[in-house]
Amino acid sequence: MEPLAPWAVHPATSRGRLHPEPGGDARSPWQRDRDRIIHTGAFRRLQYKTQVFIFHEGDYFRTRLTHSIEVAQIARAIARRLRLDEDLAEALALAHDLGHPPFGHAGEEALDAQMRPYGGFDHNAQSLKVVTSLEGRYAAFDGLNLTWETLEGLAKHNGPLRRPTAYMAEYDRLHPLELTTHASAEAQVAALADDIAYNNHDLDDGIRARIFTLEEAASLPLVGEAFQDVRTTHPNIARDRMVTETVRRVINRMVQDVVEEAGRRIARLAPRSADDIRAAGEPVVGFSRGMAEANQEIREFLFSRMYRHWRVNRAMQKSKRVSQLLFQLLHGGPQMLPDDWRAKAGEPGSASCARVVCDYIAGMTDRYALEEHRRLTDPNIPG
């Protein structure tokens, strides 16, 4: 394996953890972070959280868990080629969706609307809250006590935060994460890997769900080029394999573009350290202009043909109502919360109660949220 680049985040230069801990084994700080993330309840629950399709719609569609694993694979591949720390990129990829509520973006919109009087809801801030506060697995501290570099990347992987959410600002006062600068190159890689995985795997799932056809997706230039390559090289290939082979080639082209574009940006910047990456005026990891335009075309196609499809819209509207009603019932009646949550909630209708109820709902899986809704609304089902 090639040595890390000077602008990579080097384990020996880690800024450590909020609560100092002894080393004790041969793992790097980021490997320990990754292992802690994998063992959380929040990570396990991603198995039953929506990517686009609610969990009961089919076993072949992506969930937040499979998506996170796919993002981690792409992030490691890009980090390796850029001589960045793969373990840090992987840890960030595995943790980036821990704060997603049930029902995907529909659940997030519903919680944000209910929480608007109390600062709103943002899944990125919730991911930070999960790993710094909500996970209670260790005797000496709340959360996972992850390294500064992992927390920084989790907070800023989408760029500097000029107007951080309430929890981001609160945590930053306790443990400053330099929110107004860019994150490390490893965090930027995790963010791009998320985009690559999200769009391409939604293409795959949309075709599997028969919301649109491969030929319709092939009207997009990048997808069409990959499709023609497959059809020319393998004219008799089975339909399912043609879909997966086309998507695989699109992913490979995007990864190659990111590696080449990042190489050009890094050469122009000539950084000498990870802090030079953080202080740069723009991200060093990104698509070329042509690939960014092609990726935007895929995103717009998915919005018009998939995310706004009547089947998806029906499921999302029902999901929003479930999330809204859960919040309203529990915010007004925190005595219905389980004991450990009720003890933290405070008075019905208060801001502290709203935050506790929001955390409770955000941690639910799709399945649990639907069951909780039935328990709270159907008098024939015992509580």
Foldseek 3Di string as FASTA:
>chain_A
DDAAALQADDLVPFPAFLDHDDDPDDDGLLLLLQVLLCPFPLLVLQQQADLQDHNVPDDPADTSNVLLVQLLVLLLVLCVLNRHDSSLLNSLSSLQQSQFFHPGVLLQVLLQVVCVVQQGDDSLLSSLCQQQAVTDDDDPHHHPRGTLLSSLLSNALVHADPPDTPSVVVVCVSPNNNRRWHHFLSSVSSVLSSLLSSLLSLQLVCCVVVLDHLVVVLVQPLLVVLLVVCCVVPVPDDPNVSSVSSSVVSSVVQSVQQNVQLVVLCVVQVDSYNVSQRHDPDHSGDGDPVVVVSSVVSVVCCVVRPCPDPVSVVVSVVVSVLSNVQLVVCLQPVVPPPPVLSVQQPDRNDSSNSVSSSSVRSSHRNVVSVVVSCCVPPPVDDD
